[in-house]
């Protein structure tokens, strides 16, 4: 009997060994074609599910080599494996977090004072209904949490894995202390990191955040600064003034905010245009006047221009250095989307590109230099009609995620526009999403390679976590 050799099989007729990586002699290189569905959405799902289990994918590789076939197309084995991996996340739901994160989510690494000294801990910031602000510490398998107030996580996808549920710890109240019972004067509209495009002097990401409120009949629209740059001591109450304080108020409705790379100035989108705000002094000047609400905005990496997404569906590019000139001179280019622009997200690795979504469900990728040519890429399948929903981009900028009004969470490949994931694991709209931040940004890997890195999802129903093991 011939010996078994790893990676090879023995052909008795030819009396020799052949590697598994190539086609088996005498076999067909092309498996029987699969008849695609007539429904375009179902076609996208079928393509992602062509090789539903990894043994089947490996079997196809043994017969066809590194190039496999589906719907009369040549596909890369590695690309198909990565797509299948992306479509199989493990999803957790945290108990008792209803209404805590349906507006916005951000992840940051902050120093915590412990009995044995300072230690870096992962912190999740969330903004929810009725002006609710929460600060959570997130746990992982290498980290032990000592607080008695734990938020246990139930696994909702898949249900047949033998794994220990993950947990998060609610630290304290934002008020006299951190917690889930602190409310700002009106509904929160935005939570944005200050200086998100630049590293601080010690090489870490920014730990300061802006929070804006819509305003109401009894309160002005307000801008707050949440500062987690100093070590946090969770063994004693922390006063609001030490980590959270108001820096400006406006009579207009405040919808969104973004900052320049240094985190010294912020652009505030209002019901009447955009205000530039000095974070240190609180001084403000109008940068853009318009008759339509500014629902979303993004400053570029130089801070000299910004994209403004308007209620009327326009995306306007504004030069912030010419804010004293007339509006017609300041607006250098205009893009039209089918309905109100609910989210703009700039890409840092491709600094001339940005993602935009509108309230009819449209999602597109644009090049700032070629806006007159229209979208570079489109992402099909999202469902929306009137909800402001965040877009979430992974740190390696390979994929983009968004929730929909059909309660589905979807994920697309940014470059190809291919739908990688569509899953409904909640009964409310997944309106907020953020990815876990890499502690060493320059070492960020793609989402299917970085074990333990995942995405946080917030809805009226509560907080969820998705990771790819």
Protein backbone atom coordinates (compact mmCIF):
# COMPACT_ATOMS: atom_id res chain seq x y z
CA UNK A 1 0.00 0.00 0.00
CA UNK A 2 1.38 3.46 -0.88
CA UNK A 3 2.03 5.76 2.07
CA UNK A 4 -0.29 8.69 2.78
CA UNK A 5 1.43 12.03 2.19
CA UNK A 6 -0.07 15.27 3.53
CA UNK A 7 -1.42 17.37 0.67
CA UNK A 8 -1.15 14.53 -1.87
CA UNK A 9 -3.25 11.62 -3.09
CA UNK A 10 -2.11 8.45 -4.88
CA UNK A 11 -3.47 7.53 -8.32
CA UNK A 12 -3.16 3.75 -8.73
CA UNK A 13 -3.70 3.83 -12.49
CA UNK A 14 -0.89 6.34 -13.09
CA UNK A 15 1.17 4.96 -10.20
CA UNK A 16 2.13 8.39 -8.85
CA UNK A 17 1.17 11.08 -6.33
CA UNK A 18 -0.76 14.24 -7.22
CA UNK A 19 -1.17 17.40 -5.05
CA UNK A 20 -4.66 18.29 -3.81
CA UNK A 21 -4.24 21.96 -4.77
CA UNK A 22 -4.71 21.30 -8.47
CA UNK A 23 -7.47 19.56 -10.48
CA UNK A 24 -7.63 15.78 -10.08
CA UNK A 25 -6.54 14.13 -13.37
CA UNK A 26 -9.49 13.03 -15.44
CA UNK A 27 -11.97 15.17 -13.49
CA UNK A 28 -13.93 18.08 -14.89
CA UNK A 29 -12.45 21.47 -14.05
CA UNK A 30 -15.90 23.02 -13.98
CA UNK A 31 -18.62 21.71 -11.68
CA UNK A 32 -22.23 21.72 -12.90
CA UNK A 33 -23.55 25.30 -13.01
CA UNK A 34 -26.09 26.43 -10.43
CA UNK A 35 -29.20 28.09 -11.82
CA UNK A 36 -29.42 31.59 -10.31
CA UNK A 37 -32.58 33.07 -8.90
CA UNK A 38 -34.43 35.71 -10.92
CA UNK A 39 -34.58 37.95 -7.83
CA UNK A 40 -31.47 40.26 -7.77
CA UNK A 41 -31.44 40.38 -3.96
CA UNK A 42 -31.67 36.59 -3.80
CA UNK A 43 -28.84 36.32 -6.33
CA UNK A 44 -26.60 38.32 -4.00
CA UNK A 45 -27.49 36.04 -1.10
CA UNK A 46 -27.04 32.90 -3.20
CA UNK A 47 -23.61 34.01 -4.36
CA UNK A 48 -22.50 34.58 -0.77
CA UNK A 49 -24.02 31.21 0.24
CA UNK A 50 -22.75 29.20 -2.76
CA UNK A 51 -20.39 27.25 -0.54
CA UNK A 52 -22.37 27.26 2.67
CA UNK A 53 -19.97 25.19 4.75
CA UNK A 54 -16.21 25.37 4.72
CA UNK A 55 -15.70 21.62 4.01
CA UNK A 56 -17.69 22.13 0.79
CA UNK A 57 -15.49 25.06 -0.16
CA UNK A 58 -12.35 23.03 0.52
CA UNK A 59 -13.77 20.16 -1.55
CA UNK A 60 -14.31 22.56 -4.46
CA UNK A 61 -10.72 23.74 -4.10
CA UNK A 62 -9.43 20.16 -4.29
CA UNK A 63 -11.23 19.63 -7.58
CA UNK A 64 -10.78 23.06 -9.14
CA UNK A 65 -7.63 24.52 -7.57
CA UNK A 66 -7.45 28.14 -6.45
CA UNK A 67 -9.97 29.17 -9.10
CA UNK A 68 -13.50 27.90 -8.51
CA UNK A 69 -16.68 28.46 -10.45
CA UNK A 70 -20.12 29.82 -9.61
CA UNK A 71 -22.85 31.05 -11.99
CA UNK A 72 -20.41 30.63 -14.91
CA UNK A 73 -17.93 32.98 -13.20
CA UNK A 74 -14.36 32.39 -12.06
CA UNK A 75 -13.93 33.08 -8.34
CA UNK A 76 -10.90 33.20 -6.07
CA UNK A 77 -10.83 30.54 -3.37
CA UNK A 78 -9.31 32.99 -0.88
CA UNK A 79 -11.86 35.71 -1.68
CA UNK A 80 -14.77 33.28 -1.35
CA UNK A 81 -13.42 31.98 1.97
CA UNK A 82 -13.12 35.53 3.29
CA UNK A 83 -16.64 36.41 2.14
CA UNK A 84 -18.05 33.29 3.76
CA UNK A 85 -16.21 34.16 6.97
CA UNK A 86 -17.66 37.68 6.87
CA UNK A 87 -21.17 36.27 6.51
CA UNK A 88 -20.89 34.18 9.71
CA UNK A 89 -20.44 36.54 12.67
CA UNK A 90 -21.11 35.63 16.26
CA UNK A 91 -23.68 38.07 17.67
CA UNK A 92 -24.34 38.93 21.31
CA UNK A 93 -27.15 40.91 22.92
CA UNK A 94 -26.62 42.69 26.23
CA UNK A 95 -29.37 42.52 28.79
CA UNK A 96 -30.98 45.62 30.32
CA UNK A 97 -29.61 48.02 27.69
CA UNK A 98 -32.91 49.03 26.07
CA UNK A 99 -32.96 52.65 24.79
CA UNK A 100 -29.30 53.16 25.77
CA UNK A 101 -27.69 53.26 22.30
CA UNK A 102 -30.22 53.98 19.55
CA UNK A 103 -28.64 57.37 18.67
CA UNK A 104 -24.88 56.84 18.52
CA UNK A 105 -21.96 54.65 19.62
CA UNK A 106 -18.21 55.27 19.92
CA UNK A 107 -15.36 53.07 21.15
CA UNK A 108 -12.26 54.44 22.88
CA UNK A 109 -9.34 53.18 24.96
CA UNK A 110 -8.90 55.11 28.24
CA UNK A 111 -6.73 54.88 31.35
CA UNK A 112 -8.46 53.56 34.46
CA UNK A 113 -7.18 53.91 38.03
CA UNK A 114 -7.03 50.47 39.65
CA UNK A 115 -5.65 49.36 43.06
CA UNK A 116 -2.41 48.20 41.41
CA UNK A 117 -2.01 51.31 39.22
CA UNK A 118 -3.12 52.65 35.84
CA UNK A 119 -4.39 50.27 33.19
CA UNK A 120 -5.79 50.78 29.70
CA UNK A 121 -9.39 49.65 29.36
CA UNK A 122 -11.80 49.55 26.45
CA UNK A 123 -14.64 52.03 26.89
CA UNK A 124 -17.92 52.10 24.97
CA UNK A 125 -19.80 55.41 24.86
CA UNK A 126 -23.47 55.34 23.94
CA UNK A 127 -26.21 57.91 23.44
CA UNK A 128 -29.82 56.86 23.68
CA UNK A 129 -33.39 58.06 23.95
CA UNK A 130 -34.38 61.24 25.79
CA UNK A 131 -30.83 62.59 26.13
CA UNK A 132 -29.41 59.48 27.79
CA UNK A 133 -25.59 59.15 27.95
CA UNK A 134 -23.85 55.97 29.14
CA UNK A 135 -20.23 54.96 29.67
CA UNK A 136 -19.48 51.24 29.64
CA UNK A 137 -16.30 49.28 30.16
CA UNK A 138 -16.14 46.29 27.85
CA UNK A 139 -14.63 42.99 28.90
CA UNK A 140 -12.82 40.33 26.92
CA UNK A 141 -11.39 36.91 27.71
CA UNK A 142 -8.06 38.39 28.85
CA UNK A 143 -9.62 41.00 31.08
CA UNK A 144 -11.30 40.53 34.43
CA UNK A 145 -13.92 43.00 35.59
CA UNK A 146 -14.34 43.49 39.29
CA UNK A 147 -17.60 45.44 39.41
CA UNK A 148 -20.71 43.77 40.76
CA UNK A 149 -22.92 45.56 38.23
CA UNK A 150 -22.52 43.37 35.15
CA UNK A 151 -24.46 43.37 31.90
CA UNK A 152 -24.54 39.76 30.76
CA UNK A 153 -24.61 38.96 27.07
CA UNK A 154 -26.86 36.35 25.45
CA UNK A 155 -25.66 34.87 22.17
CA UNK A 156 -28.23 35.30 19.40
CA UNK A 157 -26.13 34.02 16.45
CA UNK A 158 -25.34 31.14 16.17
CA UNK A 159 -27.11 29.22 18.91
CA UNK A 160 -25.17 25.96 18.71
CA UNK A 161 -21.72 27.07 19.85
CA UNK A 162 -20.32 26.04 23.21
CA UNK A 163 -18.91 29.40 24.27
CA UNK A 164 -18.96 31.40 27.48
CA UNK A 165 -21.15 34.50 27.16
CA UNK A 166 -19.28 37.76 27.01
CA UNK A 167 -20.05 40.52 29.49
CA UNK A 168 -19.81 44.29 29.74
CA UNK A 169 -19.57 46.36 32.88
CA UNK A 170 -21.50 49.57 33.41
CA UNK A 171 -19.06 51.82 35.23
CA UNK A 172 -20.91 54.75 36.80
CA UNK A 173 -23.41 57.50 36.16
CA UNK A 174 -22.84 60.61 34.08
CA UNK A 175 -23.95 63.07 36.70
CA UNK A 176 -22.69 62.72 40.21
CA UNK A 177 -21.21 59.48 38.85
CA UNK A 178 -21.22 57.44 35.63
CA UNK A 179 -24.33 55.43 34.78
CA UNK A 180 -27.49 54.92 32.85
CA UNK A 181 -29.71 57.48 34.58
CA UNK A 182 -28.10 60.72 33.41
CA UNK A 183 -30.03 62.79 30.86
CA UNK A 184 -29.04 65.94 28.97
CA UNK A 185 -31.45 68.85 28.53
CA UNK A 186 -32.90 67.55 25.25
CA UNK A 187 -32.58 64.67 22.79
CA UNK A 188 -29.04 63.88 21.63
CA UNK A 189 -28.39 64.24 17.89
CA UNK A 190 -24.69 63.39 17.53
CA UNK A 191 -21.65 61.89 19.28
CA UNK A 192 -18.38 62.64 17.46
CA UNK A 193 -14.71 62.07 18.28
CA UNK A 194 -12.50 65.18 18.37
CA UNK A 195 -9.39 64.99 16.20
CA UNK A 196 -10.31 61.54 14.91
CA UNK A 197 -7.88 61.69 11.98
CA UNK A 198 -4.77 62.35 14.04
CA UNK A 199 -2.85 60.69 16.85
CA UNK A 200 -2.13 62.49 20.11
CA UNK A 201 1.42 63.27 21.24
CA UNK A 202 1.78 59.90 23.01
CA UNK A 203 0.70 57.95 19.91
CA UNK A 204 -2.85 57.08 21.05
CA UNK A 205 -6.16 58.05 19.53
CA UNK A 206 -8.14 61.05 20.77
CA UNK A 207 -10.15 60.58 23.97
CA UNK A 208 -12.30 63.71 23.64
CA UNK A 209 -15.80 63.73 22.16
CA UNK A 210 -18.44 66.24 21.14
CA UNK A 211 -22.10 65.67 22.01
CA UNK A 212 -24.80 67.81 20.44
CA UNK A 213 -28.46 68.06 21.45
CA UNK A 214 -31.38 69.00 19.23
CA UNK A 215 -32.82 71.64 21.53
CA UNK A 216 -36.46 72.05 22.53
CA UNK A 217 -39.07 74.61 23.51
CA UNK A 218 -37.46 74.98 26.92
CA UNK A 219 -33.77 74.43 26.05
CA UNK A 220 -31.38 75.61 23.35
CA UNK A 221 -29.46 73.25 21.15
CA UNK A 222 -26.26 72.61 23.09
CA UNK A 223 -22.71 71.40 22.44
CA UNK A 224 -20.99 69.37 25.18
CA UNK A 225 -17.39 68.21 25.53
CA UNK A 226 -16.85 64.73 27.00
CA UNK A 227 -13.18 64.42 28.01
CA UNK A 228 -11.76 61.00 28.93
CA UNK A 229 -8.09 61.98 28.51
CA UNK A 230 -7.45 62.02 32.26
CA UNK A 231 -7.32 58.69 34.18
CA UNK A 232 -10.77 57.60 35.29
CA UNK A 233 -11.30 56.65 38.93
CA UNK A 234 -14.36 54.44 39.22
CA UNK A 235 -14.01 53.84 42.96
CA UNK A 236 -15.46 57.27 43.77
CA UNK A 237 -18.12 59.52 42.22
CA UNK A 238 -16.94 61.75 39.39
CA UNK A 239 -18.58 65.17 39.00
CA UNK A 240 -20.07 66.21 35.66
CA UNK A 241 -17.71 69.16 35.36
CA UNK A 242 -14.63 66.96 35.36
CA UNK A 243 -15.55 64.88 32.29
CA UNK A 244 -18.63 66.46 30.70
CA UNK A 245 -19.42 70.14 30.37
CA UNK A 246 -21.28 72.43 27.99
CA UNK A 247 -19.23 74.70 25.73
CA UNK A 248 -21.86 76.42 23.53
CA UNK A 249 -25.58 76.87 22.96
CA UNK A 250 -27.53 77.91 19.86
CA UNK A 251 -31.14 78.82 19.13
CA UNK A 252 -31.13 76.57 16.07
CA UNK A 253 -31.73 72.83 16.00
CA UNK A 254 -28.36 71.03 16.11
CA UNK A 255 -28.15 67.91 13.94
CA UNK A 256 -24.51 66.87 13.58
CA UNK A 257 -20.87 67.76 14.29
CA UNK A 258 -17.34 67.03 13.13
CA UNK A 259 -13.90 68.39 14.02
CA UNK A 260 -10.65 69.27 12.30
CA UNK A 261 -7.75 66.77 12.61
CA UNK A 262 -6.20 68.65 15.55
CA UNK A 263 -9.45 68.72 17.51
CA UNK A 264 -9.30 72.48 18.14
CA UNK A 265 -12.27 73.53 16.01
CA UNK A 266 -15.60 71.88 15.22
CA UNK A 267 -18.22 72.31 12.54
CA UNK A 268 -21.80 72.14 13.84
CA UNK A 269 -24.61 71.34 11.40
CA UNK A 270 -27.81 73.21 12.28
CA UNK A 271 -31.26 73.92 10.86
CA UNK A 272 -29.87 77.08 9.22
CA UNK A 273 -26.40 76.07 8.08
CA UNK A 274 -23.00 75.33 9.59
CA UNK A 275 -21.28 77.06 12.52
CA UNK A 276 -17.52 76.84 13.13
CA UNK A 277 -16.83 76.55 16.85
CA UNK A 278 -13.56 77.12 18.73
CA UNK A 279 -13.46 74.27 21.28
CA UNK A 280 -11.22 76.11 23.75
CA UNK A 281 -12.90 79.53 23.78
CA UNK A 282 -16.46 78.70 22.70
CA UNK A 283 -16.34 81.45 20.04
CA UNK A 284 -18.33 80.73 16.88
CA UNK A 285 -18.68 82.04 13.32
CA UNK A 286 -21.06 81.09 10.52
CA UNK A 287 -19.36 79.11 7.76
CA UNK A 288 -22.34 78.22 5.58
CA UNK A 289 -25.85 79.67 5.41
CA UNK A 290 -28.60 77.65 3.78
CA UNK A 291 -32.35 77.20 3.88
CA UNK A 292 -32.13 73.43 4.37
CA UNK A 293 -31.16 71.54 7.54
CA UNK A 294 -27.60 70.17 7.59
CA UNK A 295 -28.15 66.55 8.67
CA UNK A 296 -24.56 65.37 8.21
CA UNK A 297 -21.12 66.85 7.58
CA UNK A 298 -17.47 65.89 7.27
CA UNK A 299 -14.37 68.10 7.44
CA UNK A 300 -11.49 66.99 5.24
CA UNK A 301 -8.09 66.09 6.73
CA UNK A 302 -6.76 69.62 6.30
CA UNK A 303 -9.85 71.21 7.86
CA UNK A 304 -10.02 73.68 4.97
CA UNK A 305 -13.16 72.28 3.35
CA UNK A 306 -16.20 70.30 4.41
CA UNK A 307 -18.97 68.21 2.94
CA UNK A 308 -22.48 69.16 4.01
CA UNK A 309 -25.36 66.70 3.59
CA UNK A 310 -28.68 68.53 3.46
CA UNK A 311 -32.31 67.67 4.11
CA UNK A 312 -33.10 68.52 0.47
CA UNK A 313 -30.78 65.74 -0.77
CA UNK A 314 -27.83 67.93 -1.78
CA UNK A 315 -24.20 67.30 -0.79
CA UNK A 316 -22.39 70.63 -0.89
CA UNK A 317 -18.62 71.17 -0.69
CA UNK A 318 -17.79 74.31 1.30
CA UNK A 319 -14.44 76.09 1.64
CA UNK A 320 -14.22 77.03 5.34
CA UNK A 321 -11.53 79.66 4.66
CA UNK A 322 -14.00 81.77 2.65
CA UNK A 323 -16.82 81.84 5.17
CA UNK A 324 -17.30 85.62 4.88
CA UNK A 325 -18.14 85.38 1.18
CA UNK A 326 -21.55 84.78 -0.30
CA UNK A 327 -22.94 81.26 -0.24
CA UNK A 328 -22.77 80.89 -4.04
CA UNK A 329 -19.01 81.54 -3.99
CA UNK A 330 -18.33 79.19 -1.09
CA UNK A 331 -20.05 76.16 -2.60
CA UNK A 332 -17.55 74.63 -5.02
CA UNK A 333 -19.54 71.53 -6.04
CA UNK A 334 -22.95 69.97 -5.47
CA UNK A 335 -24.05 66.31 -5.57
CA UNK A 336 -27.72 65.37 -5.66
CA UNK A 337 -29.05 62.30 -3.88
CA UNK A 338 -32.66 61.04 -4.15
CA UNK A 339 -33.67 62.17 -0.63
CA UNK A 340 -32.32 63.67 2.59
CA UNK A 341 -28.65 62.89 3.23
CA UNK A 342 -28.56 61.13 6.61
CA UNK A 343 -24.87 60.13 6.86
CA UNK A 344 -21.49 61.11 5.40
CA UNK A 345 -18.34 59.14 6.24
CA UNK A 346 -14.87 60.04 4.96
CA UNK A 347 -12.28 57.32 4.37
CA UNK A 348 -8.87 57.95 5.91
CA UNK A 349 -6.84 55.46 3.85
CA UNK A 350 -8.36 56.84 0.64
CA UNK A 351 -8.55 60.46 1.72
CA UNK A 352 -10.32 61.67 -1.44
CA UNK A 353 -13.21 59.22 -1.05
CA UNK A 354 -16.35 59.40 1.09
CA UNK A 355 -19.48 57.34 1.65
CA UNK A 356 -22.94 58.87 1.61
CA UNK A 357 -26.37 57.48 2.46
CA UNK A 358 -29.81 59.01 2.04
CA UNK A 359 -33.20 58.34 3.58
CA UNK A 360 -34.50 56.40 0.58
CA UNK A 361 -31.91 53.67 1.32
CA UNK A 362 -29.35 54.78 -1.29
CA UNK A 363 -25.69 54.26 -0.37
CA UNK A 364 -22.86 55.46 -2.60
CA UNK A 365 -19.10 56.00 -2.72
CA UNK A 366 -17.81 59.27 -4.18
CA UNK A 367 -14.43 60.71 -5.17
CA UNK A 368 -14.12 64.36 -4.09
CA UNK A 369 -12.06 65.09 -7.22
CA UNK A 370 -14.62 63.60 -9.63
CA UNK A 371 -18.00 64.46 -8.13
CA UNK A 372 -19.22 65.69 -11.53
CA UNK A 373 -18.96 62.08 -12.80
CA UNK A 374 -21.31 60.73 -10.15
CA UNK A 375 -20.78 57.85 -7.74
CA UNK A 376 -17.74 55.58 -7.97
CA UNK A 377 -19.63 52.65 -6.37
CA UNK A 378 -23.17 51.89 -5.24
CA UNK A 379 -24.36 49.55 -2.48
CA UNK A 380 -27.71 47.95 -3.15
CA UNK A 381 -30.31 46.46 -0.87
CA UNK A 382 -30.62 48.84 2.08
CA UNK A 383 -34.09 49.82 3.28
CA UNK A 384 -34.90 53.29 4.65
CA UNK A 385 -37.56 55.97 4.35
CA UNK A 386 -37.11 58.56 7.11
CA UNK A 387 -34.55 57.37 9.73
CA UNK A 388 -31.10 58.86 10.40
CA UNK A 389 -28.92 55.73 10.41
CA UNK A 390 -25.17 55.65 11.00
CA UNK A 391 -22.73 53.98 8.62
CA UNK A 392 -19.95 51.91 10.19
CA UNK A 393 -16.60 51.34 8.43
CA UNK A 394 -14.09 48.82 9.77
CA UNK A 395 -10.62 50.18 10.75
CA UNK A 396 -9.00 48.63 7.66
CA UNK A 397 -11.71 50.23 5.48
CA UNK A 398 -12.57 46.97 3.74
CA UNK A 399 -16.30 46.87 4.55
CA UNK A 400 -19.17 49.20 5.40
CA UNK A 401 -22.17 48.30 7.59
CA UNK A 402 -25.61 49.83 7.91
CA UNK A 403 -28.91 48.96 9.50
CA UNK A 404 -32.24 49.29 7.72
CA UNK A 405 -35.85 49.97 8.56
CA UNK A 406 -36.58 46.31 7.83
CA UNK A 407 -34.51 45.61 11.01
CA UNK A 408 -31.76 43.93 8.96
CA UNK A 409 -28.05 44.62 9.40
CA UNK A 410 -26.14 44.61 6.11
CA UNK A 411 -22.47 44.65 5.22
CA UNK A 412 -20.87 45.38 1.83
CA UNK A 413 -17.38 45.20 0.38
CA UNK A 414 -16.40 48.86 -0.09
CA UNK A 415 -14.42 48.34 -3.31
CA UNK A 416 -16.66 45.88 -5.14
CA UNK A 417 -20.05 46.86 -3.68
CA UNK A 418 -20.86 43.20 -3.07
CA UNK A 419 -23.33 42.40 -0.30
CA UNK A 420 -21.52 40.18 2.22
CA UNK A 421 -24.07 39.96 5.03
CA UNK A 422 -27.79 40.43 5.53
CA UNK A 423 -29.13 39.31 8.87
CA UNK A 424 -32.07 40.23 11.08
CA UNK A 425 -31.23 39.58 14.73
CA UNK A 426 -33.40 42.25 16.36
CA UNK A 427 -36.93 43.65 16.10
CA UNK A 428 -35.97 47.34 15.92
CA UNK A 429 -33.90 49.45 13.53
CA UNK A 430 -30.10 49.03 13.94
CA UNK A 431 -29.53 52.80 13.83
CA UNK A 432 -26.05 53.07 15.41
CA UNK A 433 -22.88 51.15 14.62
CA UNK A 434 -19.17 51.51 15.37
CA UNK A 435 -16.16 49.23 15.07
CA UNK A 436 -13.77 48.50 17.89
CA UNK A 437 -10.83 50.90 17.63
CA UNK A 438 -7.35 49.50 17.12
CA UNK A 439 -4.98 50.55 19.92
CA UNK A 440 -2.14 50.76 17.41
CA UNK A 441 -3.73 52.23 14.34
CA UNK A 442 -0.85 51.53 11.99
CA UNK A 443 -1.07 47.80 12.79
CA UNK A 444 -4.76 47.49 11.95
CA UNK A 445 -5.61 44.34 10.01
CA UNK A 446 -8.66 43.49 7.95
CA UNK A 447 -11.77 42.37 9.77
CA UNK A 448 -11.50 38.66 8.95
CA UNK A 449 -7.85 38.53 10.09
CA UNK A 450 -8.20 40.49 13.34
CA UNK A 451 -9.64 38.04 15.86
CA UNK A 452 -11.35 39.74 18.76
CA UNK A 453 -12.09 42.90 16.75
CA UNK A 454 -15.75 43.41 16.08
CA UNK A 455 -18.59 45.89 15.63
CA UNK A 456 -20.96 47.38 18.20
CA UNK A 457 -24.57 47.84 17.09
CA UNK A 458 -27.15 49.96 18.87
CA UNK A 459 -30.92 50.09 18.51
CA UNK A 460 -33.97 50.99 20.58
CA UNK A 461 -33.96 47.32 21.65
CA UNK A 462 -30.47 47.51 23.17
CA UNK A 463 -26.76 46.99 22.53
CA UNK A 464 -25.41 44.15 20.37
CA UNK A 465 -21.88 43.01 19.56
CA UNK A 466 -20.73 41.23 16.40
CA UNK A 467 -17.38 39.51 16.06
CA UNK A 468 -15.72 37.14 13.62
CA UNK A 469 -13.96 34.26 15.40
